[in-house]
Amino acid sequence: CDAIIHTAAMHGASFCKATNAQFIATNVLGSENLFQAALKFDIPRLVMSSTMEVLLGRTWDAYGTALLREDMTPRPDWIYPLTKLQVEQMSEFYARVYGLETIDLRYMGFDDRPMEQLSFDLLAR
């Protein structure tokens, strides 16, 4: 095995349904298990799924209107993006300390409505 691609997580669908402890157990501790498995089985690479909510928050307005840049300070505003930020920090730690090759992909979606129906919603997101 050359890599682990990790896309599972407790996410926005669990908003108001799960406790913070459940998000932490699933997202942070679950990812820790994968980092440890990579070390144990000599798997050199991990691809971790994250979210743009790390920067923008749930309503995507943590910065107001902004051009997104990689050097922006994270501003998670609820437990899900906070746990994803923690996993990103774990990725950096395992890369630096153990030499694993890691990458965190921050996904972002818009809406499946036709463009003419999005109007100002599209500008906000």
N, C-alpha and C. Protein backbone atom coordinates (compact mmCIF):
# COMPACT_ATOMS: atom_id res chain seq x y z
N CYS A 1 0.85 -1.17 0.00
CA CYS A 1 0.00 0.00 0.00
C CYS A 1 0.89 1.24 0.00
N ASP A 2 0.64 2.15 -0.93
CA ASP A 2 1.45 3.36 -1.05
C ASP A 2 0.88 4.56 -0.31
N ALA A 3 -0.42 4.52 -0.02
CA ALA A 3 -1.04 5.69 0.61
C ALA A 3 -2.36 5.31 1.26
N ILE A 4 -2.74 6.13 2.21
CA ILE A 4 -4.08 6.07 2.80
C ILE A 4 -4.79 7.33 2.35
N ILE A 5 -5.99 7.18 1.83
CA ILE A 5 -6.83 8.32 1.46
C ILE A 5 -8.01 8.30 2.42
N HIS A 6 -8.07 9.29 3.26
CA HIS A 6 -9.06 9.31 4.34
C HIS A 6 -10.12 10.37 4.06
N THR A 7 -11.33 9.93 3.75
CA THR A 7 -12.41 10.88 3.46
C THR A 7 -13.58 10.77 4.43
N ALA A 8 -13.52 9.84 5.36
CA ALA A 8 -14.62 9.67 6.30
C ALA A 8 -14.54 10.70 7.42
N ALA A 9 -15.70 11.19 7.87
CA ALA A 9 -15.73 12.12 9.00
C ALA A 9 -17.17 12.34 9.42
N MET A 10 -17.32 12.73 10.66
CA MET A 10 -18.60 13.26 11.10
C MET A 10 -18.58 14.72 10.66
N HIS A 11 -19.58 15.17 9.92
CA HIS A 11 -19.53 16.50 9.30
C HIS A 11 -20.82 17.26 9.50
N GLY A 12 -21.06 18.22 8.63
CA GLY A 12 -22.18 19.13 8.77
C GLY A 12 -23.55 18.48 8.87
N ALA A 13 -23.70 17.29 8.31
CA ALA A 13 -24.99 16.61 8.42
C ALA A 13 -25.32 16.27 9.87
N SER A 14 -24.30 16.27 10.73
CA SER A 14 -24.50 15.96 12.15
C SER A 14 -24.64 17.21 13.01
N PHE A 15 -24.71 18.38 12.36
CA PHE A 15 -24.89 19.63 13.08
C PHE A 15 -26.13 19.54 13.95
N CYS A 16 -26.01 19.86 15.23
CA CYS A 16 -27.10 19.82 16.21
C CYS A 16 -27.60 18.40 16.51
N LYS A 17 -26.94 17.38 16.00
CA LYS A 17 -27.35 16.00 16.26
C LYS A 17 -26.33 15.26 17.10
N ALA A 18 -25.07 15.65 17.00
CA ALA A 18 -24.00 14.96 17.71
C ALA A 18 -23.34 15.90 18.71
N THR A 19 -22.72 15.31 19.72
CA THR A 19 -22.03 16.11 20.73
C THR A 19 -20.63 16.46 20.24
N ASN A 20 -20.04 17.45 20.88
CA ASN A 20 -18.66 17.80 20.57
C ASN A 20 -17.75 16.61 20.79
N ALA A 21 -17.97 15.85 21.84
CA ALA A 21 -17.15 14.67 22.12
C ALA A 21 -17.26 13.64 21.00
N GLN A 22 -18.44 13.50 20.41
CA GLN A 22 -18.60 12.57 19.28
C GLN A 22 -17.81 13.05 18.07
N PHE A 23 -17.84 14.34 17.80
CA PHE A 23 -17.05 14.88 16.69
C PHE A 23 -15.56 14.64 16.93
N ILE A 24 -15.11 14.89 18.14
CA ILE A 24 -13.69 14.71 18.46
C ILE A 24 -13.30 13.24 18.34
N ALA A 25 -14.11 12.35 18.90
CA ALA A 25 -13.80 10.92 18.84
C ALA A 25 -13.74 10.42 17.40
N THR A 26 -14.68 10.84 16.60
CA THR A 26 -14.74 10.37 15.22
C THR A 26 -13.65 11.00 14.36
N ASN A 27 -13.57 12.30 14.38
CA ASN A 27 -12.69 13.01 13.45
C ASN A 27 -11.23 13.04 13.90
N VAL A 28 -10.99 13.39 15.14
CA VAL A 28 -9.61 13.54 15.60
C VAL A 28 -9.02 12.19 15.98
N LEU A 29 -9.68 11.46 16.86
CA LEU A 29 -9.13 10.18 17.29
C LEU A 29 -9.17 9.15 16.16
N GLY A 30 -10.19 9.21 15.33
CA GLY A 30 -10.23 8.32 14.17
C GLY A 30 -9.06 8.57 13.23
N SER A 31 -8.73 9.83 13.01
CA SER A 31 -7.58 10.16 12.16
C SER A 31 -6.27 9.74 12.81
N GLU A 32 -6.18 9.92 14.12
CA GLU A 32 -4.98 9.48 14.84
C GLU A 32 -4.74 7.99 14.61
N ASN A 33 -5.81 7.21 14.61
CA ASN A 33 -5.66 5.77 14.34
C ASN A 33 -5.04 5.52 12.97
N LEU A 34 -5.41 6.32 11.99
CA LEU A 34 -4.84 6.16 10.65
C LEU A 34 -3.37 6.57 10.59
N PHE A 35 -3.02 7.65 11.28
CA PHE A 35 -1.61 8.04 11.33
C PHE A 35 -0.78 6.93 11.96
N GLN A 36 -1.29 6.36 13.04
CA GLN A 36 -0.57 5.27 13.70
C GLN A 36 -0.49 4.03 12.81
N ALA A 37 -1.55 3.72 12.07
CA ALA A 37 -1.53 2.58 11.15
C ALA A 37 -0.51 2.80 10.04
N ALA A 38 -0.41 4.03 9.56
CA ALA A 38 0.58 4.32 8.52
C ALA A 38 1.99 4.05 9.03
N LEU A 39 2.26 4.47 10.25
CA LEU A 39 3.58 4.21 10.83
C LEU A 39 3.81 2.72 11.03
N LYS A 40 2.83 2.04 11.60
CA LYS A 40 2.96 0.62 11.91
C LYS A 40 3.20 -0.22 10.67
N PHE A 41 2.51 0.12 9.58
CA PHE A 41 2.57 -0.70 8.36
C PHE A 41 3.43 -0.07 7.26
N ASP A 42 4.23 0.92 7.63
CA ASP A 42 5.16 1.57 6.69
C ASP A 42 4.46 2.10 5.44
N ILE A 43 3.34 2.76 5.64
CA ILE A 43 2.63 3.41 4.55
C ILE A 43 3.10 4.86 4.53
N PRO A 44 3.76 5.30 3.47
CA PRO A 44 4.47 6.58 3.51
C PRO A 44 3.62 7.84 3.32
N ARG A 45 2.39 7.70 2.81
CA ARG A 45 1.61 8.89 2.44
C ARG A 45 0.19 8.81 2.99
N LEU A 46 -0.31 9.98 3.39
CA LEU A 46 -1.71 10.10 3.81
C LEU A 46 -2.33 11.31 3.14
N VAL A 47 -3.51 11.14 2.61
CA VAL A 47 -4.31 12.23 2.06
C VAL A 47 -5.51 12.37 2.98
N MET A 48 -5.65 13.53 3.58
CA MET A 48 -6.72 13.76 4.55
C MET A 48 -7.72 14.77 4.00
N SER A 49 -8.99 14.49 4.20
CA SER A 49 -10.04 15.42 3.78
C SER A 49 -10.27 16.45 4.87
N SER A 50 -10.38 17.69 4.47
CA SER A 50 -10.67 18.77 5.40
C SER A 50 -11.82 19.59 4.82
N THR A 51 -11.91 20.83 5.20
CA THR A 51 -13.02 21.67 4.76
C THR A 51 -12.60 23.14 4.76
N MET A 52 -13.17 23.91 3.86
CA MET A 52 -12.93 25.35 3.85
C MET A 52 -13.55 26.03 5.07
N GLU A 53 -14.43 25.31 5.77
CA GLU A 53 -14.99 25.87 7.00
C GLU A 53 -13.91 26.14 8.04
N VAL A 54 -12.74 25.52 7.90
CA VAL A 54 -11.61 25.81 8.77
C VAL A 54 -11.30 27.31 8.69
N LEU A 55 -11.36 27.87 7.51
CA LEU A 55 -11.10 29.30 7.32
C LEU A 55 -12.35 30.16 7.46
N LEU A 56 -13.44 29.68 6.94
CA LEU A 56 -14.61 30.54 6.73
C LEU A 56 -15.74 30.36 7.73
N GLY A 57 -15.73 29.30 8.49
CA GLY A 57 -16.82 29.03 9.41
C GLY A 57 -18.03 28.44 8.71
N ARG A 58 -19.00 28.06 9.50
CA ARG A 58 -20.19 27.38 8.98
C ARG A 58 -20.97 28.23 7.99
N THR A 59 -21.11 29.51 8.28
CA THR A 59 -21.89 30.39 7.40
C THR A 59 -21.01 31.09 6.38
N TRP A 60 -19.73 30.76 6.37
CA TRP A 60 -18.77 31.28 5.40
C TRP A 60 -18.56 32.77 5.50
N ASP A 61 -18.80 33.35 6.66
CA ASP A 61 -18.64 34.80 6.77
C ASP A 61 -17.65 35.21 7.87
N ALA A 62 -16.78 34.31 8.28
CA ALA A 62 -15.82 34.63 9.33
C ALA A 62 -14.91 35.79 8.95
N TYR A 63 -14.67 35.97 7.67
CA TYR A 63 -13.83 37.06 7.20
C TYR A 63 -14.62 38.13 6.48
N GLY A 64 -15.94 37.98 6.38
CA GLY A 64 -16.69 38.88 5.53
C GLY A 64 -16.34 38.55 4.09
N THR A 65 -16.44 39.50 3.22
CA THR A 65 -16.04 39.27 1.83
C THR A 65 -14.52 39.26 1.79
N ALA A 66 -13.96 38.19 1.25
CA ALA A 66 -12.50 38.07 1.27
C ALA A 66 -12.02 37.20 0.12
N LEU A 67 -10.83 37.49 -0.31
CA LEU A 67 -10.12 36.63 -1.24
C LEU A 67 -9.44 35.56 -0.38
N LEU A 68 -9.69 34.30 -0.68
CA LEU A 68 -9.12 33.24 0.13
C LEU A 68 -7.65 33.03 -0.21
N ARG A 69 -6.84 32.92 0.84
CA ARG A 69 -5.41 32.68 0.69
C ARG A 69 -4.99 31.58 1.65
N GLU A 70 -3.94 30.87 1.29
CA GLU A 70 -3.46 29.79 2.14
C GLU A 70 -2.92 30.29 3.47
N ASP A 71 -2.49 31.53 3.54
CA ASP A 71 -1.90 32.04 4.77
C ASP A 71 -2.91 32.70 5.70
N MET A 72 -4.20 32.58 5.41
CA MET A 72 -5.22 33.15 6.28
C MET A 72 -5.25 32.41 7.62
N THR A 73 -5.52 33.13 8.67
CA THR A 73 -5.66 32.53 9.99
C THR A 73 -6.97 31.73 10.03
N PRO A 74 -6.90 30.47 10.45
CA PRO A 74 -8.13 29.67 10.55
C PRO A 74 -9.11 30.30 11.55
N ARG A 75 -10.40 30.22 11.21
CA ARG A 75 -11.45 30.76 12.08
C ARG A 75 -12.63 29.79 12.16
N PRO A 76 -12.39 28.58 12.63
CA PRO A 76 -13.53 27.67 12.76
C PRO A 76 -14.52 28.22 13.79
N ASP A 77 -15.81 28.05 13.51
CA ASP A 77 -16.82 28.62 14.41
C ASP A 77 -17.75 27.56 15.00
N TRP A 78 -17.44 26.31 14.79
CA TRP A 78 -18.15 25.23 15.48
C TRP A 78 -17.24 24.01 15.48
N ILE A 79 -17.66 22.94 16.10
CA ILE A 79 -16.78 21.82 16.40
C ILE A 79 -16.26 21.10 15.15
N TYR A 80 -17.07 20.96 14.12
CA TYR A 80 -16.60 20.23 12.93
C TYR A 80 -15.34 20.85 12.32
N PRO A 81 -15.35 22.13 11.92
CA PRO A 81 -14.11 22.67 11.36
C PRO A 81 -12.97 22.73 12.38
N LEU A 82 -13.30 22.84 13.66
CA LEU A 82 -12.25 22.80 14.67
C LEU A 82 -11.55 21.44 14.65
N THR A 83 -12.32 20.36 14.55
CA THR A 83 -11.70 19.03 14.51
C THR A 83 -10.91 18.84 13.22
N LYS A 84 -11.38 19.39 12.12
CA LYS A 84 -10.63 19.26 10.87
C LYS A 84 -9.32 20.06 10.93
N LEU A 85 -9.34 21.21 11.60
CA LEU A 85 -8.11 21.97 11.82
C LEU A 85 -7.14 21.15 12.68
N GLN A 86 -7.65 20.50 13.69
CA GLN A 86 -6.80 19.66 14.54
C GLN A 86 -6.15 18.54 13.73
N VAL A 87 -6.92 17.94 12.81
CA VAL A 87 -6.36 16.89 11.96
C VAL A 87 -5.29 17.47 11.03
N GLU A 88 -5.52 18.66 10.50
CA GLU A 88 -4.50 19.31 9.67
C GLU A 88 -3.22 19.53 10.49
N GLN A 89 -3.37 19.94 11.73
CA GLN A 89 -2.21 20.13 12.58
C GLN A 89 -1.52 18.80 12.88
N MET A 90 -2.29 17.74 13.05
CA MET A 90 -1.71 16.42 13.24
C MET A 90 -0.94 16.00 11.99
N SER A 91 -1.46 16.30 10.82
CA SER A 91 -0.77 15.97 9.57
C SER A 91 0.61 16.63 9.53
N GLU A 92 0.63 17.91 9.88
CA GLU A 92 1.91 18.63 9.90
C GLU A 92 2.86 18.01 10.91
N PHE A 93 2.36 17.64 12.07
CA PHE A 93 3.16 17.01 13.11
C PHE A 93 3.75 15.68 12.63
N TYR A 94 2.92 14.82 12.07
CA TYR A 94 3.40 13.51 11.61
C TYR A 94 4.37 13.64 10.44
N ALA A 95 4.19 14.65 9.63
CA ALA A 95 5.14 14.89 8.53
C ALA A 95 6.49 15.33 9.09
N ARG A 96 6.45 16.27 10.01
CA ARG A 96 7.69 16.83 10.56
C ARG A 96 8.42 15.83 11.46
N VAL A 97 7.69 15.15 12.32
CA VAL A 97 8.33 14.29 13.32
C VAL A 97 8.64 12.90 12.78
N TYR A 98 7.74 12.35 11.96
CA TYR A 98 7.88 10.96 11.51
C TYR A 98 8.19 10.83 10.02
N GLY A 99 8.21 11.94 9.30
CA GLY A 99 8.56 11.89 7.89
C GLY A 99 7.46 11.38 6.97
N LEU A 100 6.24 11.28 7.46
CA LEU A 100 5.14 10.88 6.58
C LEU A 100 4.87 12.00 5.57
N GLU A 101 4.51 11.63 4.36
CA GLU A 101 4.07 12.62 3.38
C GLU A 101 2.57 12.79 3.57
N THR A 102 2.16 14.00 3.90
CA THR A 102 0.75 14.24 4.16
C THR A 102 0.26 15.43 3.34
N ILE A 103 -1.01 15.39 3.04
CA ILE A 103 -1.67 16.52 2.39
C ILE A 103 -3.10 16.57 2.92
N ASP A 104 -3.58 17.78 3.14
CA ASP A 104 -4.95 17.99 3.60
C ASP A 104 -5.69 18.77 2.53
N LEU A 105 -6.77 18.22 2.06
CA LEU A 105 -7.56 18.85 1.00
C LEU A 105 -8.77 19.53 1.63
N ARG A 106 -8.86 20.84 1.47
CA ARG A 106 -10.00 21.59 2.00
C ARG A 106 -11.06 21.70 0.93
N TYR A 107 -12.11 20.93 1.10
CA TYR A 107 -13.20 20.92 0.13
C TYR A 107 -14.16 22.08 0.39
N MET A 108 -14.85 22.44 -0.67
CA MET A 108 -15.81 23.53 -0.60
C MET A 108 -16.87 23.30 -1.66
N GLY A 109 -18.11 23.47 -1.31
CA GLY A 109 -19.18 23.33 -2.28
C GLY A 109 -20.01 24.60 -2.30
N PHE A 110 -20.74 24.75 -3.36
CA PHE A 110 -21.60 25.92 -3.45
C PHE A 110 -23.04 25.50 -3.28
N ASP A 111 -23.71 25.28 -4.34
CA ASP A 111 -25.13 24.98 -4.29
C ASP A 111 -25.49 24.33 -5.62
N ASP A 112 -26.51 23.51 -5.61
CA ASP A 112 -26.89 22.86 -6.86
C ASP A 112 -28.03 23.58 -7.57
N ARG A 113 -28.37 24.79 -7.10
CA ARG A 113 -29.39 25.57 -7.79
C ARG A 113 -28.80 26.17 -9.06
N PRO A 114 -29.61 26.44 -10.06
CA PRO A 114 -29.11 27.11 -11.26
C PRO A 114 -28.48 28.46 -10.92
N MET A 115 -27.46 28.85 -11.68
CA MET A 115 -26.74 30.09 -11.42
C MET A 115 -27.66 31.31 -11.27
N GLU A 116 -28.70 31.39 -12.11
CA GLU A 116 -29.57 32.57 -12.05
C GLU A 116 -30.38 32.62 -10.75
N GLN A 117 -30.47 31.51 -10.01
CA GLN A 117 -31.19 31.50 -8.74
C GLN A 117 -30.26 31.78 -7.55
N LEU A 118 -28.95 31.69 -7.75
CA LEU A 118 -28.03 31.88 -6.64
C LEU A 118 -27.87 33.35 -6.26
N SER A 119 -27.82 34.23 -7.21
CA SER A 119 -27.69 35.68 -7.03
C SER A 119 -26.68 36.04 -5.95
N PHE A 120 -27.11 36.75 -4.92
CA PHE A 120 -26.19 37.22 -3.89
C PHE A 120 -25.67 36.09 -3.00
N ASP A 121 -26.36 34.95 -2.95
CA ASP A 121 -25.84 33.81 -2.20
C ASP A 121 -24.48 33.40 -2.74
N LEU A 122 -24.32 33.44 -4.04
CA LEU A 122 -23.05 33.06 -4.65
C LEU A 122 -21.94 34.03 -4.24
N LEU A 123 -22.27 35.32 -4.15
CA LEU A 123 -21.26 36.29 -3.73
C LEU A 123 -20.85 36.07 -2.29
N ALA A 124 -21.78 35.65 -1.45
CA ALA A 124 -21.48 35.41 -0.05
C ALA A 124 -20.66 34.14 0.13
N ARG A 125 -20.75 33.23 -0.81
CA ARG A 125 -20.03 31.97 -0.69
C ARG A 125 -19.07 31.80 -1.83
